[in-house]
Amino acid sequence: MKRIVLAAAIAFSAAPALAADLPAPPPPPQAPAAYVPVAAPIYNWGGIYIGINGGYGFGQSNWSPAGGVATGNFDVNGGLVGGTIGANFQTGEWVFGVEGDIDWSDINGSTTNTTTCAPNSCTFQTQNDWLGTIRGRVGYAFDRVLIYGTGGGAFGDIKANLTNNTLLAAASATSTEFGWTAGGGVEVGITQNFTAKIEYLFVDLSNGSLSCAACGPGAAAFTSPVSFDASLVRGGLNFKFNF
C-alpha cells in the first residue's frame, strides 16, 4: 500500500513539468481580409507629341471660264504621307489641343476636251505636290479612346498645266495657296506614350491661276482661275511626351 501511495505522489509531482514541455495550442483562425478592388489608372491624353501620317486624297478641280477656256469639274486623287506635331491638354474627359502637319502629296488629275478649246484639243491638269494644315482639336475621351473634331487653316501648292495638243503649245504655273480644313477622327492610346489614329479632313484651297499668251482657242491669250479641293482619309502613329 505504501508503494502505491508513493507512486501516485511521484506522478502528481511530475505532471506540471510534463505539461510545461508540451507545445502551445495554435491561435484561432482569423477571418480573411475583405477584397478591395484597385481601380485601373485613367489614360492620360495630355502632352506634346510627334508622329507620322499617311493616306489617300480625292476631290475635284475646276478651271473657271476666262478667255473662253473652261473645264467644268474633273476628278483629282492620289496618296500623301508626312509628319505631325501637336499638343493636348486634358480636363476630366475633355481633351483640347492644337495640331499641325505637312505632307508630300501626289493628288492630281486631268481632262482632255475640244469643247472649251475649239477648234483645238487641250489637256488640262491640276496637281498638288505638298499640303499642310494647322488645326485646333476638341475631343471626348472614353479612357483610351478619344473621339474628336478638328478644324483650321490649310495651305499647299496648286500646279496648273495646259497642253494645246493641236498647236503643240503648253503653259504651266505653280502657286502657294491658303484655305480651310475641317473634319474629325478617332484616336486610341496603345501605351501611355504611343497612340494611333484614323481621321477624315476636307481641304479647300483658294484658287490658283494659269496665264498663257497663245494656248487658248485659236492661239488666243487667256488667264484661267484653277480651284482645288480634296477629302483626305489618313492614318497616323504618334509618340507622346506626357505632361
C-alpha atoms as a PDB file:
ATOM      1  CA  MET A   1       0.000   0.000   0.000  1.00  0.00           C
ATOM      2  CA  LYS A   2       2.814   2.371   0.821  1.00  0.00           C
ATOM      3  CA  ARG A   3       4.322   1.702  -2.595  1.00  0.00           C
ATOM      4  CA  ILE A   4       1.082   2.654  -4.376  1.00  0.00           C
ATOM      5  CA  VAL A   5       0.783   5.924  -2.459  1.00  0.00           C
ATOM      6  CA  LEU A   6       4.432   6.762  -3.198  1.00  0.00           C
ATOM      7  CA  ALA A   7       3.996   6.128  -6.948  1.00  0.00           C
ATOM      8  CA  ALA A   8       0.912   8.326  -7.064  1.00  0.00           C
ATOM      9  CA  ALA A   9       2.724  11.136  -5.287  1.00  0.00           C
ATOM     10  CA  ILE A  10       5.607  10.967  -7.735  1.00  0.00           C
ATOM     11  CA  ALA A  11       3.191  11.062 -10.746  1.00  0.00           C
ATOM     12  CA  PHE A  12       1.322  14.099  -9.484  1.00  0.00           C
ATOM     13  CA  SER A  13       4.551  15.958  -8.743  1.00  0.00           C
ATOM     14  CA  ALA A  14       5.862  15.310 -12.297  1.00  0.00           C
ATOM     15  CA  ALA A  15       2.621  16.369 -14.143  1.00  0.00           C
ATOM     16  CA  PRO A  16       3.326  20.159 -14.137  1.00  0.00           C
ATOM     17  CA  ALA A  17       6.788  19.628 -15.604  1.00  0.00           C
ATOM     18  CA  LEU A  18       5.438  17.435 -18.387  1.00  0.00           C
ATOM     19  CA  ALA A  19       2.692  19.966 -19.143  1.00  0.00           C
ATOM     20  CA  ALA A  20       5.276  22.746 -19.442  1.00  0.00           C
ATOM     21  CA  ASP A  21       7.101  20.766 -22.152  1.00  0.00           C
ATOM     22  CA  LEU A  22       4.012  20.456 -24.413  1.00  0.00           C
ATOM     23  CA  PRO A  23       3.710  22.945 -27.371  1.00  0.00           C
ATOM     24  CA  ALA A  24       1.323  25.895 -27.002  1.00  0.00           C
ATOM     25  CA  PRO A  25      -2.021  25.480 -28.789  1.00  0.00           C
ATOM     26  CA  PRO A  26      -2.309  27.332 -32.158  1.00  0.00           C
ATOM     27  CA  PRO A  27      -4.179  30.671 -32.223  1.00  0.00           C
ATOM     28  CA  PRO A  28      -7.756  30.587 -33.501  1.00  0.00           C
ATOM     29  CA  PRO A  29      -8.094  31.116 -37.302  1.00  0.00           C
ATOM     30  CA  GLN A  30      -8.627  34.720 -38.463  1.00  0.00           C
ATOM     31  CA  ALA A  31     -11.320  35.786 -40.892  1.00  0.00           C
ATOM     32  CA  PRO A  32      -9.962  36.620 -44.402  1.00  0.00           C
ATOM     33  CA  ALA A  33      -9.457  40.318 -45.148  1.00  0.00           C
ATOM     34  CA  ALA A  34     -12.164  41.936 -47.258  1.00  0.00           C
ATOM     35  CA  TYR A  35     -11.241  42.310 -51.002  1.00  0.00           C
ATOM     36  CA  VAL A  36     -10.846  45.919 -52.087  1.00  0.00           C
ATOM     37  CA  PRO A  37     -10.672  46.290 -55.888  1.00  0.00           C
ATOM     38  CA  VAL A  38      -7.971  48.592 -57.247  1.00  0.00           C
ATOM     39  CA  ALA A  39      -9.184  50.967 -59.947  1.00  0.00           C
ATOM     40  CA  ALA A  40      -7.190  50.952 -63.182  1.00  0.00           C
ATOM     41  CA  PRO A  41      -5.381  54.251 -63.851  1.00  0.00           C
ATOM     42  CA  ILE A  42      -7.207  56.638 -66.204  1.00  0.00           C
ATOM     43  CA  TYR A  43      -5.404  57.172 -69.513  1.00  0.00           C
ATOM     44  CA  ASN A  44      -3.580  60.492 -69.722  1.00  0.00           C
ATOM     45  CA  TRP A  45      -4.046  62.299 -73.067  1.00  0.00           C
ATOM     46  CA  GLY A  46      -2.124  65.395 -72.026  1.00  0.00           C
ATOM     47  CA  GLY A  47       1.271  66.009 -73.565  1.00  0.00           C
ATOM     48  CA  ILE A  48       3.289  67.058 -76.589  1.00  0.00           C
ATOM     49  CA  TYR A  49       3.503  64.535 -79.422  1.00  0.00           C
ATOM     50  CA  ILE A  50       5.186  63.940 -82.754  1.00  0.00           C
ATOM     51  CA  GLY A  51       4.296  61.359 -85.368  1.00  0.00           C
ATOM     52  CA  ILE A  52       3.811  60.249 -88.931  1.00  0.00           C
ATOM     53  CA  ASN A  53       0.685  60.142 -91.065  1.00  0.00           C
ATOM     54  CA  GLY A  54      -0.320  58.836 -94.456  1.00  0.00           C
ATOM     55  CA  GLY A  55      -3.380  58.151 -96.540  1.00  0.00           C
ATOM     56  CA  TYR A  56      -5.333  58.973 -99.666  1.00  0.00           C
ATOM     57  CA  GLY A  57      -6.928  62.112-101.056  1.00  0.00           C
ATOM     58  CA  PHE A  58      -9.700  62.517-103.613  1.00  0.00           C
ATOM     59  CA  GLY A  59     -11.580  65.582-104.810  1.00  0.00           C
ATOM     60  CA  GLN A  60     -12.168  67.938-107.712  1.00  0.00           C
ATOM     61  CA  SER A  61     -10.591  70.764-109.662  1.00  0.00           C
ATOM     62  CA  ASN A  62     -12.188  73.312-111.947  1.00  0.00           C
ATOM     63  CA  TRP A  63     -10.721  75.742-114.460  1.00  0.00           C
ATOM     64  CA  SER A  64     -13.185  78.605-114.495  1.00  0.00           C
ATOM     65  CA  PRO A  65     -14.313  80.279-117.743  1.00  0.00           C
ATOM     66  CA  ALA A  66     -11.901  83.024-118.653  1.00  0.00           C
ATOM     67  CA  GLY A  67     -10.903  83.917-122.172  1.00  0.00           C
ATOM     68  CA  GLY A  68     -13.014  81.047-123.488  1.00  0.00           C
ATOM     69  CA  VAL A  69     -11.144  78.315-121.544  1.00  0.00           C
ATOM     70  CA  ALA A  70     -13.069  76.210-119.005  1.00  0.00           C
ATOM     71  CA  THR A  71     -13.184  72.571-117.953  1.00  0.00           C
ATOM     72  CA  GLY A  72     -16.053  72.055-115.556  1.00  0.00           C
ATOM     73  CA  ASN A  73     -15.273  69.824-112.577  1.00  0.00           C
ATOM     74  CA  PHE A  74     -12.881  66.916-113.039  1.00  0.00           C
ATOM     75  CA  ASP A  75     -11.543  64.387-110.530  1.00  0.00           C
ATOM     76  CA  VAL A  76      -8.197  64.560-108.740  1.00  0.00           C
ATOM     77  CA  ASN A  77      -6.824  61.836-106.455  1.00  0.00           C
ATOM     78  CA  GLY A  78      -3.623  60.335-105.057  1.00  0.00           C
ATOM     79  CA  GLY A  79      -1.648  59.417-101.973  1.00  0.00           C
ATOM     80  CA  LEU A  80       0.071  61.549 -99.344  1.00  0.00           C
ATOM     81  CA  VAL A  81       2.464  60.975 -96.437  1.00  0.00           C
ATOM     82  CA  GLY A  82       4.183  63.234 -93.927  1.00  0.00           C
ATOM     83  CA  GLY A  83       4.837  64.293 -90.338  1.00  0.00           C
ATOM     84  CA  THR A  84       2.701  65.546 -87.444  1.00  0.00           C
ATOM     85  CA  ILE A  85       3.326  67.636 -84.316  1.00  0.00           C
ATOM     86  CA  GLY A  86       0.832  68.654 -81.666  1.00  0.00           C
ATOM     87  CA  ALA A  87      -0.086  69.103 -78.010  1.00  0.00           C
ATOM     88  CA  ASN A  88      -3.078  68.115 -75.861  1.00  0.00           C
ATOM     89  CA  PHE A  89      -4.468  69.375 -72.560  1.00  0.00           C
ATOM     90  CA  GLN A  90      -6.951  67.200 -70.666  1.00  0.00           C
ATOM     91  CA  THR A  91      -9.525  68.246 -68.083  1.00  0.00           C
ATOM     92  CA  GLY A  92     -11.765  65.406 -66.969  1.00  0.00           C
ATOM     93  CA  GLU A  93     -12.900  63.556 -70.057  1.00  0.00           C
ATOM     94  CA  TRP A  94     -12.466  66.592 -72.337  1.00  0.00           C
ATOM     95  CA  VAL A  95      -9.295  66.954 -74.386  1.00  0.00           C
ATOM     96  CA  PHE A  96      -8.269  70.220 -76.081  1.00  0.00           C
ATOM     97  CA  GLY A  97      -5.344  70.510 -78.429  1.00  0.00           C
ATOM     98  CA  VAL A  98      -3.608  72.001 -81.426  1.00  0.00           C
ATOM     99  CA  GLU A  99      -2.060  70.018 -84.268  1.00  0.00           C
ATOM    100  CA  GLY A 100      -0.038  70.750 -87.394  1.00  0.00           C
ATOM    101  CA  ASP A 101       1.154  68.553 -90.224  1.00  0.00           C
ATOM    102  CA  ILE A 102       2.989  68.807 -93.527  1.00  0.00           C
ATOM    103  CA  ASP A 103       2.644  66.122 -96.219  1.00  0.00           C
ATOM    104  CA  TRP A 104       4.177  65.248 -99.545  1.00  0.00           C
ATOM    105  CA  SER A 105       1.219  64.848-101.888  1.00  0.00           C
ATOM    106  CA  ASP A 106       0.577  63.184-105.229  1.00  0.00           C
ATOM    107  CA  ILE A 107      -3.031  64.325-105.645  1.00  0.00           C
ATOM    108  CA  ASN A 108      -3.591  65.155-109.303  1.00  0.00           C
ATOM    109  CA  GLY A 109      -5.984  64.749-112.217  1.00  0.00           C
ATOM    110  CA  SER A 110      -6.535  65.844-115.801  1.00  0.00           C
ATOM    111  CA  THR A 111      -9.144  66.170-118.512  1.00  0.00           C
ATOM    112  CA  THR A 112      -8.913  66.479-122.280  1.00  0.00           C
ATOM    113  CA  ASN A 113     -11.592  68.131-124.409  1.00  0.00           C
ATOM    114  CA  THR A 114     -12.205  70.123-127.577  1.00  0.00           C
ATOM    115  CA  THR A 115     -15.306  71.963-126.397  1.00  0.00           C
ATOM    116  CA  THR A 116     -13.625  74.761-124.448  1.00  0.00           C
ATOM    117  CA  CYS A 117     -10.510  74.834-126.594  1.00  0.00           C
ATOM    118  CA  ALA A 118     -12.199  74.588-130.019  1.00  0.00           C
ATOM    119  CA  PRO A 119     -11.155  74.162-132.700  1.00  0.00           C
ATOM    120  CA  ASN A 120      -8.177  72.652-130.872  1.00  0.00           C
ATOM    121  CA  SER A 121      -7.793  69.762-128.416  1.00  0.00           C
ATOM    122  CA  CYS A 122      -6.436  70.720-124.996  1.00  0.00           C
ATOM    123  CA  THR A 123      -5.378  68.752-121.922  1.00  0.00           C
ATOM    124  CA  PHE A 124      -5.843  70.433-118.522  1.00  0.00           C
ATOM    125  CA  GLN A 125      -4.027  69.064-115.436  1.00  0.00           C
ATOM    126  CA  THR A 126      -4.197  70.149-111.784  1.00  0.00           C
ATOM    127  CA  GLN A 127      -1.603  68.820-109.341  1.00  0.00           C
ATOM    128  CA  ASN A 128      -0.910  69.182-105.627  1.00  0.00           C
ATOM    129  CA  ASP A 129       2.694  68.369-104.579  1.00  0.00           C
ATOM    130  CA  TRP A 130       2.576  69.306-100.879  1.00  0.00           C
ATOM    131  CA  LEU A 131      -0.129  70.072 -98.353  1.00  0.00           C
ATOM    132  CA  GLY A 132      -0.168  71.270 -94.743  1.00  0.00           C
ATOM    133  CA  THR A 133      -2.702  72.102 -92.040  1.00  0.00           C
ATOM    134  CA  ILE A 134      -2.768  73.897 -88.676  1.00  0.00           C
ATOM    135  CA  ARG A 135      -5.839  72.923 -86.666  1.00  0.00           C
ATOM    136  CA  GLY A 136      -7.492  73.043 -83.278  1.00  0.00           C
ATOM    137  CA  ARG A 137      -8.886  69.819 -81.807  1.00  0.00           C
ATOM    138  CA  VAL A 138     -11.664  69.177 -79.268  1.00  0.00           C
ATOM    139  CA  GLY A 139     -12.333  65.625 -78.137  1.00  0.00           C
ATOM    140  CA  TYR A 140     -14.075  63.467 -75.550  1.00  0.00           C
ATOM    141  CA  ALA A 141     -12.094  60.604 -74.036  1.00  0.00           C
ATOM    142  CA  PHE A 142     -13.523  57.205 -73.156  1.00  0.00           C
ATOM    143  CA  ASP A 143     -10.385  56.256 -71.242  1.00  0.00           C
ATOM    144  CA  ARG A 144      -8.055  55.051 -74.049  1.00  0.00           C
ATOM    145  CA  VAL A 145     -10.403  56.024 -76.910  1.00  0.00           C
ATOM    146  CA  LEU A 146     -10.599  59.668 -77.984  1.00  0.00           C
ATOM    147  CA  ILE A 147     -13.277  60.906 -80.394  1.00  0.00           C
ATOM    148  CA  TYR A 148     -12.514  64.383 -81.719  1.00  0.00           C
ATOM    149  CA  GLY A 149     -13.474  67.119 -84.141  1.00  0.00           C
ATOM    150  CA  THR A 150     -10.906  69.387 -85.771  1.00  0.00           C
ATOM    151  CA  GLY A 151     -10.710  72.469 -87.965  1.00  0.00           C
ATOM    152  CA  GLY A 152      -8.412  75.292 -89.003  1.00  0.00           C
ATOM    153  CA  GLY A 153      -6.262  76.520 -91.847  1.00  0.00           C
ATOM    154  CA  ALA A 154      -4.782  74.690 -94.821  1.00  0.00           C
ATOM    155  CA  PHE A 155      -2.012  75.590 -97.230  1.00  0.00           C
ATOM    156  CA  GLY A 156      -0.363  73.943-100.211  1.00  0.00           C
ATOM    157  CA  ASP A 157       0.583  74.348-103.836  1.00  0.00           C
ATOM    158  CA  ILE A 158      -1.652  74.292-106.897  1.00  0.00           C
ATOM    159  CA  LYS A 159       0.174  73.398-110.075  1.00  0.00           C
ATOM    160  CA  ALA A 160      -1.757  74.004-113.313  1.00  0.00           C
ATOM    161  CA  ASN A 161      -0.569  72.559-116.624  1.00  0.00           C
ATOM    162  CA  LEU A 162      -2.201  73.121-120.017  1.00  0.00           C
ATOM    163  CA  THR A 163      -1.197  71.467-123.271  1.00  0.00           C
ATOM    164  CA  ASN A 164      -2.755  72.542-126.557  1.00  0.00           C
ATOM    165  CA  ASN A 165      -2.435  69.238-128.392  1.00  0.00           C
ATOM    166  CA  THR A 166      -3.285  70.797-131.755  1.00  0.00           C
ATOM    167  CA  LEU A 167      -0.982  73.806-131.642  1.00  0.00           C
ATOM    168  CA  LEU A 168       1.716  71.939-129.669  1.00  0.00           C
ATOM    169  CA  ALA A 169       1.758  74.810-127.192  1.00  0.00           C
ATOM    170  CA  ALA A 170       1.959  74.438-123.429  1.00  0.00           C
ATOM    171  CA  ALA A 171       1.906  76.507-120.268  1.00  0.00           C
ATOM    172  CA  SER A 172       2.448  75.765-116.566  1.00  0.00           C
ATOM    173  CA  ALA A 173       2.088  77.782-113.361  1.00  0.00           C
ATOM    174  CA  THR A 174       2.567  76.932-109.677  1.00  0.00           C
ATOM    175  CA  SER A 175       1.360  78.999-106.717  1.00  0.00           C
ATOM    176  CA  THR A 176       1.134  78.530-102.945  1.00  0.00           C
ATOM    177  CA  GLU A 177      -2.467  78.929-101.806  1.00  0.00           C
ATOM    178  CA  PHE A 178      -4.235  79.106 -98.437  1.00  0.00           C
ATOM    179  CA  GLY A 179      -7.661  77.852 -97.409  1.00  0.00           C
ATOM    180  CA  TRP A 180      -9.505  75.966 -94.699  1.00  0.00           C
ATOM    181  CA  THR A 181      -9.979  72.420 -93.441  1.00  0.00           C
ATOM    182  CA  ALA A 182     -12.402  70.600 -91.122  1.00  0.00           C
ATOM    183  CA  GLY A 183     -13.070  67.020 -90.106  1.00  0.00           C
ATOM    184  CA  GLY A 184     -12.850  64.521 -87.275  1.00  0.00           C
ATOM    185  CA  GLY A 185     -11.368  61.256 -86.168  1.00  0.00           C
ATOM    186  CA  VAL A 186     -10.772  58.555 -83.580  1.00  0.00           C
ATOM    187  CA  GLU A 187      -7.510  58.096 -81.659  1.00  0.00           C
ATOM    188  CA  VAL A 188      -6.572  55.131 -79.467  1.00  0.00           C
ATOM    189  CA  GLY A 189      -3.969  55.008 -76.702  1.00  0.00           C
ATOM    190  CA  ILE A 190      -1.824  51.922 -77.337  1.00  0.00           C
ATOM    191  CA  THR A 191       0.511  52.644 -74.406  1.00  0.00           C
ATOM    192  CA  GLN A 192       0.982  55.757 -72.276  1.00  0.00           C
ATOM    193  CA  ASN A 193       3.362  57.063 -74.950  1.00  0.00           C
ATOM    194  CA  PHE A 194       2.074  55.649 -78.256  1.00  0.00           C
ATOM    195  CA  THR A 195      -1.254  56.465 -79.894  1.00  0.00           C
ATOM    196  CA  ALA A 196      -2.775  55.561 -83.265  1.00  0.00           C
ATOM    197  CA  LYS A 197      -5.497  57.438 -85.133  1.00  0.00           C
ATOM    198  CA  ILE A 198      -7.646  57.491 -88.244  1.00  0.00           C
ATOM    199  CA  GLU A 199      -9.206  60.738 -89.439  1.00  0.00           C
ATOM    200  CA  TYR A 200     -11.095  62.461 -92.221  1.00  0.00           C
ATOM    201  CA  LEU A 201     -10.356  66.020 -93.386  1.00  0.00           C
ATOM    202  CA  PHE A 202     -11.929  68.148 -96.092  1.00  0.00           C
ATOM    203  CA  VAL A 203      -9.479  70.679 -97.560  1.00  0.00           C
ATOM    204  CA  ASP A 204     -10.407  73.651 -99.753  1.00  0.00           C
ATOM    205  CA  LEU A 205      -7.591  75.834-101.101  1.00  0.00           C
ATOM    206  CA  SER A 206      -8.026  79.242-102.685  1.00  0.00           C
ATOM    207  CA  ASN A 207      -7.881  79.435-106.466  1.00  0.00           C
ATOM    208  CA  GLY A 208      -4.591  79.345-108.280  1.00  0.00           C
ATOM    209  CA  SER A 209      -4.413  80.579-111.870  1.00  0.00           C
ATOM    210  CA  LEU A 210      -2.722  79.981-115.182  1.00  0.00           C
ATOM    211  CA  SER A 211      -2.000  82.528-117.900  1.00  0.00           C
ATOM    212  CA  CYS A 212      -0.942  81.733-121.441  1.00  0.00           C
ATOM    213  CA  ALA A 213      -0.249  84.077-124.354  1.00  0.00           C
ATOM    214  CA  ALA A 214      -1.061  81.619-127.139  1.00  0.00           C
ATOM    215  CA  CYS A 215      -2.588  78.426-125.726  1.00  0.00           C
ATOM    216  CA  GLY A 216      -6.297  79.082-125.901  1.00  0.00           C
ATOM    217  CA  PRO A 217      -8.815  78.733-128.713  1.00  0.00           C
ATOM    218  CA  GLY A 218      -7.270  79.945-131.956  1.00  0.00           C
ATOM    219  CA  ALA A 219      -3.973  80.587-130.122  1.00  0.00           C
ATOM    220  CA  ALA A 220      -5.672  83.281-128.046  1.00  0.00           C
ATOM    221  CA  ALA A 221      -4.312  84.575-124.755  1.00  0.00           C
ATOM    222  CA  PHE A 222      -6.183  83.764-121.566  1.00  0.00           C
ATOM    223  CA  THR A 223      -5.971  83.647-117.779  1.00  0.00           C
ATOM    224  CA  SER A 224      -7.955  80.945-116.005  1.00  0.00           C
ATOM    225  CA  PRO A 225      -8.564  80.566-112.239  1.00  0.00           C
ATOM    226  CA  VAL A 226      -7.900  76.984-111.057  1.00  0.00           C
ATOM    227  CA  SER A 227      -9.683  75.587-107.985  1.00  0.00           C
ATOM    228  CA  PHE A 228      -8.679  72.604-105.828  1.00  0.00           C
ATOM    229  CA  ASP A 229     -10.476  70.747-103.019  1.00  0.00           C
ATOM    230  CA  ALA A 230      -9.963  67.273-101.606  1.00  0.00           C
ATOM    231  CA  SER A 231     -11.187  64.816 -98.988  1.00  0.00           C
ATOM    232  CA  LEU A 232      -8.345  63.206 -97.052  1.00  0.00           C
ATOM    233  CA  VAL A 233      -8.560  59.848 -95.266  1.00  0.00           C
ATOM    234  CA  ARG A 234      -5.431  59.333 -93.192  1.00  0.00           C
ATOM    235  CA  GLY A 235      -3.996  57.098 -90.515  1.00  0.00           C
ATOM    236  CA  GLY A 236      -1.310  58.158 -88.060  1.00  0.00           C
ATOM    237  CA  LEU A 237       1.030  56.919 -85.322  1.00  0.00           C
ATOM    238  CA  ASN A 238       2.188  59.348 -82.609  1.00  0.00           C
ATOM    239  CA  PHE A 239       4.736  59.294 -79.790  1.00  0.00           C
ATOM    240  CA  LYS A 240       3.559  61.354 -76.786  1.00  0.00           C
ATOM    241  CA  PHE A 241       5.690  63.096 -74.151  1.00  0.00           C
ATOM    242  CA  ASN A 242       3.340  63.090 -71.140  1.00  0.00           C
ATOM    243  CA  PHE A 243       2.696  66.212 -69.082  1.00  0.00           C
END
